Amino acid sequence: MRQPGLAFDAPHKESYTQKVLRVFEQNKNVWIDADFLASPRVGGKYAWRSRVADCRKILGRIDNRQRKAREGYTISEYRYVP
């Protein structure tokens, strides 16, 4: 007997890790700003670094670079290198 309202054939919602993975796969060799990866529509605000680490296990090489802006803050970017 099924509980009313439960649907096991409902469409699967894409996970944050899947979204980050898709961004890297669609942007090979392109530096992607960490703020974009941490946005709610991509990797989520809190665990986006863990999701990048999970993508490294799947894709392999994902580089990180950090540089200082003139205003003094650090810009962090990631790049998938196939």
C-alpha atoms as a PDB file:
ATOM      1  CA  MET A   1       0.000   0.000   0.000  1.00  0.00           C
ATOM      2  CA  ARG A   2       1.344   3.413  -0.973  1.00  0.00           C
ATOM      3  CA  GLN A   3       1.061   6.452   1.171  1.00  0.00           C
ATOM      4  CA  PRO A   4      -1.091   9.105  -0.539  1.00  0.00           C
ATOM      5  CA  GLY A   5       1.005  11.797  -2.213  1.00  0.00           C
ATOM      6  CA  LEU A   6       4.161   9.694  -2.635  1.00  0.00           C
ATOM      7  CA  ALA A   7       5.247   9.347  -6.225  1.00  0.00           C
ATOM      8  CA  PHE A   8       8.214   7.148  -7.001  1.00  0.00           C
ATOM      9  CA  ASP A   9       8.099   8.012 -10.684  1.00  0.00           C
ATOM     10  CA  ALA A  10       8.430  11.762 -10.114  1.00  0.00           C
ATOM     11  CA  PRO A  11      11.071  13.529 -12.213  1.00  0.00           C
ATOM     12  CA  HIS A  12      14.494  13.617 -10.582  1.00  0.00           C
ATOM     13  CA  LYS A  13      15.676  17.017  -9.421  1.00  0.00           C
ATOM     14  CA  GLU A  14      19.275  17.764 -10.411  1.00  0.00           C
ATOM     15  CA  SER A  15      21.596  17.820  -7.389  1.00  0.00           C
ATOM     16  CA  TYR A  16      24.027  20.645  -6.669  1.00  0.00           C
ATOM     17  CA  THR A  17      26.936  18.320  -7.482  1.00  0.00           C
ATOM     18  CA  GLN A  18      25.353  17.492 -10.849  1.00  0.00           C
ATOM     19  CA  LYS A  19      24.933  21.214 -11.564  1.00  0.00           C
ATOM     20  CA  VAL A  20      28.594  21.961 -10.737  1.00  0.00           C
ATOM     21  CA  LEU A  21      29.666  18.977 -12.841  1.00  0.00           C
ATOM     22  CA  ARG A  22      27.600  20.243 -15.790  1.00  0.00           C
ATOM     23  CA  VAL A  23      29.151  23.723 -15.503  1.00  0.00           C
ATOM     24  CA  PHE A  24      32.670  22.253 -15.650  1.00  0.00           C
ATOM     25  CA  GLU A  25      31.824  19.920 -18.551  1.00  0.00           C
ATOM     26  CA  GLN A  26      30.301  22.764 -20.575  1.00  0.00           C
ATOM     27  CA  ASN A  27      33.223  25.119 -19.884  1.00  0.00           C
ATOM     28  CA  LYS A  28      36.386  23.088 -20.442  1.00  0.00           C
ATOM     29  CA  ASN A  29      39.613  25.082 -19.958  1.00  0.00           C
ATOM     30  CA  VAL A  30      37.648  28.174 -18.860  1.00  0.00           C
ATOM     31  CA  TRP A  31      38.262  29.851 -15.502  1.00  0.00           C
ATOM     32  CA  ILE A  32      35.004  29.987 -13.515  1.00  0.00           C
ATOM     33  CA  ASP A  33      34.620  32.408 -10.627  1.00  0.00           C
ATOM     34  CA  ALA A  34      34.074  30.741  -7.250  1.00  0.00           C
ATOM     35  CA  ASP A  35      31.215  33.162  -6.527  1.00  0.00           C
ATOM     36  CA  PHE A  36      29.352  31.690  -9.510  1.00  0.00           C
ATOM     37  CA  LEU A  37      29.954  28.126  -8.286  1.00  0.00           C
ATOM     38  CA  ALA A  38      28.730  29.146  -4.815  1.00  0.00           C
ATOM     39  CA  SER A  39      25.528  30.696  -6.138  1.00  0.00           C
ATOM     40  CA  PRO A  40      22.207  29.073  -5.161  1.00  0.00           C
ATOM     41  CA  ARG A  41      21.444  28.163  -8.786  1.00  0.00           C
ATOM     42  CA  VAL A  42      24.690  26.183  -9.169  1.00  0.00           C
ATOM     43  CA  GLY A  43      26.604  24.791  -6.179  1.00  0.00           C
ATOM     44  CA  GLY A  44      24.787  26.266  -3.230  1.00  0.00           C
ATOM     45  CA  LYS A  45      26.081  28.697  -0.650  1.00  0.00           C
ATOM     46  CA  TYR A  46      27.625  26.390   1.944  1.00  0.00           C
ATOM     47  CA  ALA A  47      29.076  23.122   0.591  1.00  0.00           C
ATOM     48  CA  TRP A  48      30.151  24.185  -2.883  1.00  0.00           C
ATOM     49  CA  ARG A  49      33.834  23.407  -2.150  1.00  0.00           C
ATOM     50  CA  SER A  50      32.895  19.820  -1.283  1.00  0.00           C
ATOM     51  CA  ARG A  51      30.986  19.612  -4.540  1.00  0.00           C
ATOM     52  CA  VAL A  52      34.054  20.785  -6.467  1.00  0.00           C
ATOM     53  CA  ALA A  53      36.046  18.069  -4.657  1.00  0.00           C
ATOM     54  CA  ASP A  54      33.408  15.496  -5.680  1.00  0.00           C
ATOM     55  CA  CYS A  55      33.726  16.681  -9.292  1.00  0.00           C
ATOM     56  CA  ARG A  56      37.493  16.189  -9.092  1.00  0.00           C
ATOM     57  CA  LYS A  57      36.860  12.519  -8.247  1.00  0.00           C
ATOM     58  CA  ILE A  58      34.707  12.204 -11.377  1.00  0.00           C
ATOM     59  CA  LEU A  59      36.487  14.455 -13.890  1.00  0.00           C
ATOM     60  CA  GLY A  60      40.066  14.428 -12.703  1.00  0.00           C
ATOM     61  CA  ARG A  61      41.983  17.661 -12.965  1.00  0.00           C
ATOM     62  CA  ILE A  62      40.255  20.813 -11.742  1.00  0.00           C
ATOM     63  CA  ASP A  63      42.699  23.661 -11.168  1.00  0.00           C
ATOM     64  CA  ASN A  64      42.284  26.511  -8.706  1.00  0.00           C
ATOM     65  CA  ARG A  65      43.920  29.916  -8.869  1.00  0.00           C
ATOM     66  CA  GLN A  66      43.699  32.812  -6.479  1.00  0.00           C
ATOM     67  CA  ARG A  67      44.680  36.400  -7.112  1.00  0.00           C
ATOM     68  CA  LYS A  68      44.323  39.695  -5.312  1.00  0.00           C
ATOM     69  CA  ALA A  69      42.026  42.388  -6.641  1.00  0.00           C
ATOM     70  CA  ARG A  70      43.170  45.997  -6.456  1.00  0.00           C
ATOM     71  CA  GLU A  71      40.599  46.536  -3.722  1.00  0.00           C
ATOM     72  CA  GLY A  72      42.383  43.942  -1.566  1.00  0.00           C
ATOM     73  CA  TYR A  73      40.018  40.950  -1.673  1.00  0.00           C
ATOM     74  CA  THR A  74      40.954  37.559  -3.119  1.00  0.00           C
ATOM     75  CA  ILE A  75      39.458  36.286  -6.378  1.00  0.00           C
ATOM     76  CA  SER A  76      39.251  32.487  -6.524  1.00  0.00           C
ATOM     77  CA  GLU A  77      38.619  30.668  -9.811  1.00  0.00           C
ATOM     78  CA  TYR A  78      38.377  27.035 -10.934  1.00  0.00           C
ATOM     79  CA  ARG A  79      39.048  25.404 -14.302  1.00  0.00           C
ATOM     80  CA  TYR A  80      38.380  21.858 -15.575  1.00  0.00           C
ATOM     81  CA  VAL A  81      41.267  20.607 -17.710  1.00  0.00           C
ATOM     82  CA  PRO A  82      40.276  17.429 -19.610  1.00  0.00           C
END
